[in-house]
Amino acid sequence: MNVDALLKTTLEGLGYPVERLKYDGKAKTYITYQLVVGRDVHFSDDENGAEEFTYRVDIYSRGDYIALMRSAKRALKEAGFYGITFDPEVFEENTGYYHVPVEIKYMEV
């Protein structure tokens, strides 16, 4: 399974709709994600030994999302993601959603 499929499957396991970049549905809670950076790392003899991927995951909710944040962090760690950083939460007045950006990393060897 590639890193994109692993991320989508892991997030879907949380029980909410998950889409890449844009969600058009009507759910009160949903998650989007996007690839931010993919780079070669661990060089030896001019060959890369691995690829590191950085993703941005965005949690949107019209209700309490703290339990979802905790569940997401636990599930992502169990799936092999690391460097999980929750950025400042915001309330989007125009949509009524709380929005929590999350940065995550994954190493593919």
Protein backbone atom coordinates (compact mmCIF):
# COMPACT_ATOMS: atom_id res chain seq x y z
CA MET A 1 0.00 0.00 0.00
CA ASN A 2 1.42 3.41 -0.89
CA VAL A 3 1.51 6.30 1.57
CA ASP A 4 -1.54 8.04 0.05
CA ALA A 5 -3.69 4.94 0.39
CA LEU A 6 -2.38 4.33 3.92
CA LEU A 7 -3.24 7.87 4.99
CA LYS A 8 -6.73 7.80 3.49
CA THR A 9 -7.49 4.37 4.99
CA THR A 10 -6.17 5.44 8.40
CA LEU A 11 -8.26 8.62 8.41
CA GLU A 12 -11.38 6.81 7.17
CA GLY A 13 -11.02 4.47 10.14
CA LEU A 14 -11.95 7.43 12.35
CA GLY A 15 -15.52 7.21 11.04
CA TYR A 16 -15.85 10.50 9.15
CA PRO A 17 -15.80 11.43 5.46
CA VAL A 18 -12.25 11.88 4.10
CA GLU A 19 -11.30 13.54 0.80
CA ARG A 20 -8.16 14.83 -0.83
CA LEU A 21 -8.09 18.66 -0.89
CA LYS A 22 -11.83 19.36 -1.06
CA TYR A 23 -14.99 17.97 0.52
CA ASP A 24 -18.35 18.87 -1.04
CA GLY A 25 -20.68 16.97 1.27
CA LYS A 26 -22.85 18.11 4.16
CA ALA A 27 -21.32 16.18 7.09
CA LYS A 28 -20.98 18.02 10.42
CA THR A 29 -17.46 16.63 10.73
CA TYR A 30 -15.09 15.75 7.91
CA ILE A 31 -11.38 15.51 7.11
CA THR A 32 -9.36 16.62 4.09
CA TYR A 33 -5.69 16.00 3.31
CA GLN A 34 -3.03 17.05 0.83
CA LEU A 35 0.56 16.22 0.01
CA VAL A 36 2.79 19.18 0.86
CA VAL A 37 6.30 17.85 0.20
CA GLY A 38 7.87 14.62 -0.97
CA ARG A 39 11.63 14.48 -0.83
CA ASP A 40 14.48 12.01 -1.13
CA VAL A 41 16.47 11.44 2.07
CA HIS A 42 19.20 9.20 3.52
CA PHE A 43 21.72 9.45 0.70
CA SER A 44 24.59 7.00 0.33
CA ASP A 45 26.81 6.79 -2.77
CA ASP A 46 24.57 9.31 -4.55
CA GLU A 47 21.50 7.10 -4.05
CA ASN A 48 18.56 8.00 -1.87
CA GLY A 49 17.67 5.41 0.73
CA ALA A 50 14.17 6.64 1.47
CA GLU A 51 11.49 9.19 0.70
CA GLU A 52 9.95 11.43 3.32
CA PHE A 53 6.43 12.73 2.74
CA THR A 54 4.87 15.67 4.54
CA TYR A 55 1.08 15.94 4.51
CA ARG A 56 -1.40 18.46 5.78
CA VAL A 57 -4.56 17.04 7.29
CA ASP A 58 -7.46 19.38 8.06
CA ILE A 59 -10.15 18.46 10.57
CA TYR A 60 -13.43 20.36 10.23
CA SER A 61 -16.21 20.06 12.76
CA ARG A 62 -19.31 21.91 13.87
CA GLY A 63 -19.08 20.33 17.32
CA ASP A 64 -16.56 19.18 19.89
CA TYR A 65 -13.53 17.84 18.04
CA ILE A 66 -11.06 17.24 20.89
CA ALA A 67 -11.76 13.49 21.07
CA LEU A 68 -11.33 13.28 17.27
CA MET A 69 -7.95 15.03 17.51
CA ARG A 70 -6.79 12.49 20.08
CA SER A 71 -8.10 9.55 18.06
CA ALA A 72 -6.49 10.89 14.89
CA LYS A 73 -3.11 11.27 16.58
CA ARG A 74 -3.26 7.74 18.00
CA ALA A 75 -4.34 6.20 14.66
CA LEU A 76 -1.72 8.09 12.66
CA LYS A 77 1.07 7.03 15.04
CA GLU A 78 -0.07 3.40 14.88
CA ALA A 79 0.03 3.59 11.06
CA GLY A 80 3.66 4.80 11.11
CA PHE A 81 3.20 8.55 10.71
CA TYR A 82 5.34 10.82 12.89
CA GLY A 83 6.11 14.48 13.52
CA ILE A 84 2.40 15.03 14.16
CA THR A 85 1.86 18.73 14.79
CA PHE A 86 -1.50 20.34 15.50
CA ASP A 87 -1.46 23.94 14.28
CA PRO A 88 -3.63 26.73 15.74
CA GLU A 89 -7.33 25.98 15.64
CA VAL A 90 -9.69 28.52 14.11
CA PHE A 91 -13.42 29.07 13.90
CA GLU A 92 -14.59 29.87 10.39
CA GLU A 93 -17.44 32.35 10.79
CA ASN A 94 -18.65 31.97 7.20
CA THR A 95 -19.07 28.16 7.40
CA GLY A 96 -19.65 27.56 11.11
CA TYR A 97 -16.87 24.95 11.23
CA TYR A 98 -14.01 24.69 13.67
CA HIS A 99 -10.87 24.00 11.64
CA VAL A 100 -7.79 22.24 12.99
CA PRO A 101 -4.77 21.94 10.64
CA VAL A 102 -2.41 19.03 11.31
CA GLU A 103 1.02 18.42 9.79
CA ILE A 104 2.29 14.83 9.59
CA LYS A 105 5.27 13.02 8.10
CA TYR A 106 5.87 9.52 6.77
CA MET A 107 9.10 7.78 5.76
CA GLU A 108 8.93 5.28 2.91
CA VAL A 109 12.05 3.10 2.66
